[in-house]
Amino acid sequence: MFVNNGKISDRQTFRLYIFDLIGIGTLLLPPYLAKLTGCDGIFCILLGSLAGYIYLRYLGFLLGKMKTDAGTFLQQQHGKIVQYLSFGFVCIHSIFTAGFCAYVFGNAMKHTLIKDESFTLILFITIILAAYAVGGGIESRARVYEVLFWVILVPYIAMMLFTIKDFEMEYVDTFFISPTQNLLEGCYLVFLFLTPLFFSIFLLGKKEEKSKKFGTQMIRIVTKSLLISTIIFLGSYILLLGNFGANSLSEMRYPVVTLMSTVQFKGNFLKRMDALMLAVWFFTLFALINFHMHYGADMMKKIKSSEGSKRVGQIIVTAILVYIIAYAMNVSSSFVELFLDYYSYIAVPIMIIGPALLLIKGNLKNKN
């Protein structure tokens, strides 16, 4: 019935990117924004998402100039050394980001659903399941989340809407009081959670149909995902502000989880519906772990020029490294801070500037 050819459709791309964009942002973004900008965080979400759209157009423009997938372009225009260095950066970045996401996933799971379980066991099971999912290929993951799209998204939105009854307008009536620096930091913070858009440059090799106008096609598909994700970010943040206020929100660890837990239903079954919805919602964060583990193993395979589609060795190595990184982050908060500094001041600038520099150099080489 299905063919494991490593390709995904437009609809699968659209749905996968929604999960990849909202997975960790809905969990971690609100308290940071509230602390930085309060109610002005609403504008940060809008402006940060606009920056994400501009970045997406920029990537689409570069892809149009490359007229091929990123890997082939790098080899043809710059040789294997630059190609391997680029793959190496994406590989290392993906593994560390997957480790951070696994740390957040295990930590949130332990503090909300299974408080008496050890973090080590939660992390171990999570990584094993993620490695198994990555081994199935990107098309298998796309099929799973294509089916789960409405199963996950509709209950999440419904649970958030149930919180409107406790919404207090006086909590959301103070705007334009944040310092300019804080607003800029807030916008950049929103953009940080949208950086999975960077991996759009690798989509050409994953698409079922390779179009000559792939840059335009990619923009159209991923922009839809970005738009839906922005609406979810914005709606979640407004509801959190209206239920808790900016001051309380800034002190919470996982406010969206706390907000969901406040929803009460009558009946023996429905009264624990909040726990069921939380379990469903964690699929979005799990999707992001899979996303980065996939690219970590995939880039590792490209560097080694390994044959075969299963990438078993690379997946095992990636899973072990992700586990070690996530465990280290749980043990040492300074390791988490070090990763966040790397992400903010090194990784994101490279993801913004790097593709353009490679393209310019390639064009110059062609002219010569």
Protein backbone atom coordinates (compact mmCIF):
# COMPACT_ATOMS: atom_id res chain seq x y z
CA MET A 1 0.00 0.00 0.00
CA PHE A 2 2.85 2.39 0.83
CA VAL A 3 6.26 2.77 -0.73
CA ASN A 4 9.27 3.54 1.49
CA ASN A 5 11.05 5.82 -0.94
CA GLY A 6 12.13 8.59 1.43
CA LYS A 7 9.69 11.08 -0.14
CA ILE A 8 6.85 13.06 1.43
CA SER A 9 3.88 14.87 -0.07
CA ASP A 10 2.93 18.55 0.17
CA ARG A 11 0.20 17.79 2.73
CA GLN A 12 2.59 15.75 4.86
CA THR A 13 5.17 18.54 4.70
CA PHE A 14 2.55 21.06 5.82
CA ARG A 15 1.43 18.98 8.79
CA LEU A 16 4.91 17.92 9.87
CA TYR A 17 6.10 21.51 9.97
CA ILE A 18 3.22 22.57 12.20
CA PHE A 19 4.27 19.96 14.77
CA ASP A 20 7.95 20.89 14.40
CA LEU A 21 7.26 24.59 14.92
CA ILE A 22 4.82 24.47 17.84
CA GLY A 23 6.29 21.52 19.74
CA ILE A 24 8.64 23.32 22.10
CA GLY A 25 7.51 26.90 21.48
CA THR A 26 4.11 26.50 23.14
CA LEU A 27 5.86 24.99 26.15
CA LEU A 28 8.80 27.34 26.75
CA LEU A 29 8.08 30.59 24.92
CA PRO A 30 5.26 32.11 27.04
CA PRO A 31 7.10 32.50 30.39
CA TYR A 32 10.18 34.01 28.72
CA LEU A 33 8.07 36.45 26.72
CA ALA A 34 6.03 37.41 29.78
CA LYS A 35 9.17 38.11 31.75
CA LEU A 36 10.71 40.20 28.98
CA THR A 37 7.73 42.12 27.62
CA GLY A 38 4.50 41.27 29.48
CA CYS A 39 1.46 41.93 27.30
CA ASP A 40 3.72 43.37 24.59
CA GLY A 41 4.76 39.77 23.93
CA ILE A 42 1.77 39.67 21.59
CA PHE A 43 3.59 42.07 19.27
CA CYS A 44 6.79 40.06 19.64
CA ILE A 45 4.99 36.97 18.37
CA LEU A 46 3.64 38.86 15.37
CA LEU A 47 6.96 40.53 14.51
CA GLY A 48 9.02 37.41 15.21
CA SER A 49 6.74 35.39 12.94
CA LEU A 50 7.06 38.08 10.27
CA ALA A 51 10.84 37.69 10.55
CA GLY A 52 10.35 33.94 10.15
CA TYR A 53 8.34 34.53 6.97
CA ILE A 54 11.02 36.85 5.57
CA TYR A 55 13.63 34.21 6.41
CA LEU A 56 11.53 31.60 4.63
CA ARG A 57 11.30 33.77 1.51
CA TYR A 58 15.05 34.26 1.71
CA LEU A 59 15.62 30.48 1.79
CA GLY A 60 13.22 30.03 -1.12
CA PHE A 61 15.13 32.63 -3.13
CA LEU A 62 18.41 30.83 -2.44
CA LEU A 63 16.93 27.49 -3.46
CA GLY A 64 15.73 29.05 -6.70
CA LYS A 65 19.28 30.19 -7.41
CA MET A 66 20.77 26.81 -6.51
CA LYS A 67 18.31 24.96 -8.80
CA THR A 68 19.13 21.73 -6.96
CA ASP A 69 19.15 20.35 -3.44
CA ALA A 70 21.63 21.78 -0.96
CA GLY A 71 23.87 18.68 -0.84
CA THR A 72 24.34 18.48 -4.62
CA PHE A 73 24.91 22.22 -4.84
CA LEU A 74 27.60 22.16 -2.17
CA GLN A 75 29.48 19.34 -3.87
CA GLN A 76 29.27 20.83 -7.35
CA GLN A 77 30.15 24.40 -6.41
CA HIS A 78 32.46 24.09 -3.44
CA GLY A 79 33.86 20.58 -3.33
CA LYS A 80 33.66 17.86 -0.73
CA ILE A 81 35.49 19.72 2.05
CA VAL A 82 32.93 22.53 2.26
CA GLN A 83 30.14 20.01 1.77
CA TYR A 84 31.38 17.88 4.68
CA LEU A 85 31.88 20.93 6.90
CA SER A 86 28.31 22.06 6.18
CA PHE A 87 26.92 18.59 6.81
CA GLY A 88 29.01 18.40 9.97
CA PHE A 89 27.53 21.61 11.34
CA VAL A 90 23.96 20.47 10.61
CA CYS A 91 24.69 17.05 12.13
CA ILE A 92 26.17 18.42 15.37
CA HIS A 93 23.53 21.13 15.64
CA SER A 94 20.71 18.63 15.12
CA ILE A 95 22.07 16.20 17.71
CA PHE A 96 22.50 18.89 20.37
CA THR A 97 19.07 20.36 19.62
CA ALA A 98 17.50 16.90 19.79
CA GLY A 99 19.23 16.43 23.15
CA PHE A 100 17.77 19.69 24.44
CA CYS A 101 14.29 18.76 23.20
CA ALA A 102 14.59 15.32 24.81
CA TYR A 103 15.64 16.99 28.07
CA VAL A 104 12.62 19.31 27.97
CA PHE A 105 10.31 16.42 27.02
CA GLY A 106 11.52 14.19 29.87
CA ASN A 107 11.51 17.04 32.36
CA ALA A 108 7.99 18.14 31.43
CA MET A 109 6.73 14.56 31.46
CA LYS A 110 8.17 13.98 34.93
CA HIS A 111 6.77 17.20 36.40
CA THR A 112 3.28 16.88 34.93
CA LEU A 113 2.20 13.32 34.17
CA ILE A 114 4.41 10.76 35.92
CA LYS A 115 5.99 12.57 38.85
CA ASP A 116 7.14 9.44 40.65
CA GLU A 117 9.09 8.03 37.71
CA SER A 118 12.81 8.62 37.24
CA PHE A 119 14.00 11.02 34.56
CA THR A 120 16.56 8.45 33.40
CA LEU A 121 13.91 5.86 32.57
CA ILE A 122 11.65 8.42 30.86
CA LEU A 123 14.57 9.63 28.78
CA PHE A 124 15.69 6.12 27.87
CA ILE A 125 12.25 5.07 26.64
CA THR A 126 11.81 8.35 24.76
CA ILE A 127 15.11 7.98 22.89
CA ILE A 128 14.43 4.34 22.05
CA LEU A 129 11.02 5.22 20.60
CA ALA A 130 12.45 8.21 18.73
CA ALA A 131 15.26 6.07 17.26
CA TYR A 132 12.70 3.49 16.13
CA ALA A 133 10.63 6.23 14.49
CA VAL A 134 13.68 7.67 12.73
CA GLY A 135 14.58 4.18 11.50
CA GLY A 136 11.22 3.98 9.75
CA GLY A 137 12.21 6.89 7.51
CA ILE A 138 10.80 10.36 7.09
CA GLU A 139 7.88 9.05 5.05
CA SER A 140 6.78 6.75 7.88
CA ARG A 141 6.89 9.62 10.37
CA ALA A 142 4.99 11.79 7.91
CA ARG A 143 2.23 9.20 7.58
CA VAL A 144 1.86 8.85 11.35
CA TYR A 145 1.57 12.58 11.96
CA GLU A 146 -0.65 13.01 8.92
CA VAL A 147 -3.13 10.68 10.61
CA LEU A 148 -2.63 12.22 14.07
CA PHE A 149 -2.87 15.81 12.83
CA TRP A 150 -6.53 16.39 13.71
CA VAL A 151 -6.42 13.94 16.62
CA ILE A 152 -3.75 16.08 18.28
CA LEU A 153 -4.50 19.60 17.10
CA VAL A 154 -8.28 19.69 17.59
CA PRO A 155 -8.20 18.51 21.25
CA TYR A 156 -5.36 20.94 21.99
CA ILE A 157 -7.31 23.87 20.58
CA ALA A 158 -10.52 22.69 22.27
CA MET A 159 -8.81 22.48 25.66
CA MET A 160 -7.43 25.99 25.23
CA LEU A 161 -10.88 27.31 24.31
CA PHE A 162 -12.35 25.79 27.48
CA THR A 163 -10.13 28.18 29.46
CA ILE A 164 -11.86 31.27 28.04
CA LYS A 165 -14.43 31.15 30.85
CA ASP A 166 -11.70 32.17 33.34
CA PHE A 167 -10.26 34.87 31.08
CA GLU A 168 -9.78 38.24 32.84
CA MET A 169 -9.57 41.26 30.54
CA GLU A 170 -7.77 43.37 33.14
CA TYR A 171 -4.77 41.04 32.78
CA VAL A 172 -4.46 42.01 29.10
CA ASP A 173 -4.81 45.78 29.07
CA THR A 174 -1.28 47.11 29.50
CA PHE A 175 0.60 47.66 26.24
CA PHE A 176 3.55 49.64 24.90
CA ILE A 177 5.40 49.85 28.21
CA SER A 178 8.31 47.49 27.51
CA PRO A 179 11.75 48.91 26.72
CA THR A 180 12.77 48.73 23.07
CA GLN A 181 15.63 46.37 23.89
CA ASN A 182 13.24 43.95 25.57
CA LEU A 183 10.90 44.05 22.59
CA LEU A 184 13.76 43.28 20.22
CA GLU A 185 14.93 40.43 22.43
CA GLY A 186 11.38 39.10 22.51
CA CYS A 187 11.11 39.20 18.72
CA TYR A 188 14.43 37.39 18.39
CA LEU A 189 13.29 34.82 20.94
CA VAL A 190 10.18 34.06 18.88
CA PHE A 191 12.35 33.73 15.79
CA LEU A 192 14.59 31.24 17.63
CA PHE A 193 11.64 28.89 18.03
CA LEU A 194 10.98 29.13 14.29
CA THR A 195 14.46 28.07 13.20
CA PRO A 196 13.30 24.60 12.07
CA LEU A 197 12.45 26.62 8.95
CA PHE A 198 16.18 26.41 8.15
CA PHE A 199 15.80 22.75 7.25
CA SER A 200 13.51 23.73 4.38
CA ILE A 201 16.64 23.88 2.24
CA PHE A 202 16.89 20.10 2.54
CA LEU A 203 13.28 19.48 1.50
CA LEU A 204 14.03 19.16 -2.21
CA GLY A 205 15.55 15.72 -1.70
CA LYS A 206 12.49 14.65 0.32
CA LYS A 207 9.76 15.84 -2.02
CA GLU A 208 7.70 13.44 -4.14
CA GLU A 209 7.98 15.79 -7.11
CA LYS A 210 11.01 17.91 -7.87
CA SER A 211 9.77 21.11 -9.47
CA LYS A 212 11.95 23.67 -11.24
CA LYS A 213 10.11 26.28 -9.19
CA PHE A 214 10.71 24.43 -5.95
CA GLY A 215 11.63 27.61 -4.07
CA THR A 216 8.15 29.04 -4.70
CA GLN A 217 6.49 25.71 -3.96
CA MET A 218 8.36 25.32 -0.68
CA ILE A 219 7.40 28.84 0.41
CA ARG A 220 3.74 28.16 -0.26
CA ILE A 221 3.66 24.94 1.76
CA VAL A 222 5.78 25.93 4.75
CA THR A 223 4.24 29.42 4.92
CA LYS A 224 0.87 27.77 5.59
CA SER A 225 2.47 25.85 8.47
CA LEU A 226 4.08 29.04 9.77
CA LEU A 227 0.74 30.88 9.64
CA ILE A 228 -1.11 28.18 11.61
CA SER A 229 1.75 27.97 14.11
CA THR A 230 1.68 31.75 14.61
CA ILE A 231 -2.06 31.65 15.29
CA ILE A 232 -1.52 28.88 17.86
CA PHE A 233 1.34 30.79 19.53
CA LEU A 234 -0.69 33.99 19.62
CA GLY A 235 -3.90 32.37 20.86
CA SER A 236 -2.09 30.37 23.55
CA TYR A 237 -0.19 33.42 24.79
CA ILE A 238 -3.30 35.62 24.99
CA LEU A 239 -5.18 32.93 26.89
CA LEU A 240 -2.27 32.43 29.28
CA LEU A 241 -2.10 36.18 29.92
CA GLY A 242 -5.84 36.38 30.50
CA ASN A 243 -5.85 33.46 32.93
CA PHE A 244 -2.68 34.13 34.93
CA GLY A 245 -1.46 37.66 34.23
CA ALA A 246 2.04 38.55 33.03
CA ASN A 247 3.66 38.49 36.48
CA SER A 248 2.43 35.02 37.40
CA LEU A 249 3.02 33.72 33.89
CA SER A 250 6.68 34.75 33.99
CA GLU A 251 7.27 32.62 37.09
CA MET A 252 5.72 29.42 35.75
CA ARG A 253 7.73 26.51 34.47
CA TYR A 254 5.30 25.07 31.92
CA PRO A 255 2.31 27.45 31.97
CA VAL A 256 0.42 25.86 29.08
CA VAL A 257 0.45 22.57 30.97
CA THR A 258 -0.79 24.32 34.11
CA LEU A 259 -3.53 26.02 32.10
CA MET A 260 -4.75 22.73 30.66
CA SER A 261 -4.82 21.15 34.09
CA THR A 262 -7.29 23.81 35.26
CA VAL A 263 -9.97 22.56 32.88
CA GLN A 264 -12.51 20.49 34.82
CA PHE A 265 -15.09 18.09 33.45
CA LYS A 266 -17.91 16.30 35.21
CA GLY A 267 -18.04 12.51 35.30
CA ASN A 268 -15.59 9.81 36.35
CA PHE A 269 -14.08 9.51 32.89
CA LEU A 270 -14.16 13.10 31.71
CA LYS A 271 -12.69 14.54 34.90
CA ARG A 272 -9.28 13.19 33.87
CA MET A 273 -9.62 14.34 30.28
CA ASP A 274 -7.00 17.01 30.99
CA ALA A 275 -4.38 14.30 31.60
CA LEU A 276 -5.35 12.58 28.36
CA MET A 277 -5.06 15.86 26.45
CA LEU A 278 -1.64 16.51 27.98
CA ALA A 279 -0.47 13.10 26.82
CA VAL A 280 -1.73 13.83 23.31
CA TRP A 281 -0.12 17.27 23.33
CA PHE A 282 3.31 15.75 24.07
CA PHE A 283 3.26 14.23 20.61
CA THR A 284 4.16 17.67 19.24
CA LEU A 285 7.34 17.83 21.30
CA PHE A 286 8.16 14.22 20.43
CA ALA A 287 7.83 15.19 16.76
CA LEU A 288 10.57 17.79 17.19
CA ILE A 289 12.90 15.23 18.78
CA ASN A 290 12.30 12.97 15.77
CA PHE A 291 12.85 15.88 13.41
CA HIS A 292 16.32 16.68 14.69
CA MET A 293 17.38 13.06 15.23
CA HIS A 294 16.42 12.38 11.63
CA TYR A 295 18.65 15.15 10.31
CA GLY A 296 21.45 14.23 12.72
CA ALA A 297 21.53 10.64 11.44
CA ASP A 298 20.93 11.73 7.83
CA MET A 299 23.84 14.19 7.81
CA MET A 300 26.07 11.63 9.53
CA LYS A 301 25.24 9.18 6.77
CA LYS A 302 26.05 11.75 4.07
CA ILE A 303 29.41 12.51 5.69
CA LYS A 304 30.31 8.81 5.77
CA SER A 305 28.84 8.26 2.30
CA SER A 306 27.12 5.16 3.65
CA GLU A 307 25.04 3.01 1.36
CA GLY A 308 21.61 1.72 2.26
CA SER A 309 18.46 3.46 3.42
CA LYS A 310 18.20 2.24 6.99
CA ARG A 311 21.15 4.17 8.49
CA VAL A 312 21.17 1.76 11.44
CA GLY A 313 24.67 2.61 12.64
CA GLN A 314 24.13 6.35 12.33
CA ILE A 315 20.80 6.16 14.13
CA ILE A 316 22.32 4.21 17.01
CA VAL A 317 25.20 6.68 17.38
CA THR A 318 22.79 9.63 17.15
CA ALA A 319 20.49 8.10 19.79
CA ILE A 320 23.39 7.52 22.19
CA LEU A 321 24.69 11.07 21.78
CA VAL A 322 21.21 12.57 22.21
CA TYR A 323 20.73 10.55 25.39
CA ILE A 324 24.08 11.67 26.82
CA ILE A 325 23.38 15.34 26.03
CA ALA A 326 19.85 15.26 27.49
CA TYR A 327 21.08 13.49 30.62
CA ALA A 328 23.90 16.01 31.06
CA MET A 329 21.43 18.88 30.76
CA ASN A 330 19.27 17.35 33.45
CA VAL A 331 22.28 17.04 35.75
CA SER A 332 23.74 20.50 35.10
CA SER A 333 21.71 23.65 34.45
CA SER A 334 24.90 25.39 33.29
CA PHE A 335 25.03 22.96 30.35
CA VAL A 336 21.52 24.09 29.37
CA GLU A 337 22.57 27.75 29.57
CA LEU A 338 25.66 26.99 27.48
CA PHE A 339 23.51 25.35 24.82
CA LEU A 340 21.07 28.28 24.76
CA ASP A 341 23.96 30.73 24.34
CA TYR A 342 25.35 28.62 21.49
CA TYR A 343 21.92 28.49 19.85
CA SER A 344 21.31 32.23 20.16
CA TYR A 345 24.73 33.63 19.28
CA ILE A 346 26.32 30.98 17.05
CA ALA A 347 23.83 28.56 15.48
CA VAL A 348 21.17 31.02 14.36
CA PRO A 349 23.63 33.54 12.81
CA ILE A 350 25.22 30.64 10.90
CA MET A 351 21.81 29.48 9.68
CA ILE A 352 21.04 33.02 8.49
CA ILE A 353 24.35 34.03 6.92
CA GLY A 354 25.81 30.68 5.89
CA PRO A 355 23.50 29.77 2.99
CA ALA A 356 23.91 33.20 1.35
CA LEU A 357 27.72 33.11 1.62
CA LEU A 358 27.87 29.68 0.03
CA LEU A 359 25.60 30.82 -2.79
CA ILE A 360 27.64 33.98 -3.51
CA LYS A 361 30.87 32.02 -3.63
CA GLY A 362 29.29 29.47 -5.95
CA ASN A 363 28.11 32.17 -8.37
CA LEU A 364 31.56 33.72 -8.45
CA LYS A 365 33.03 30.34 -9.24
CA ASN A 366 30.63 29.88 -12.12
CA LYS A 367 31.57 33.28 -13.62
CA ASN A 368 35.22 32.40 -13.51
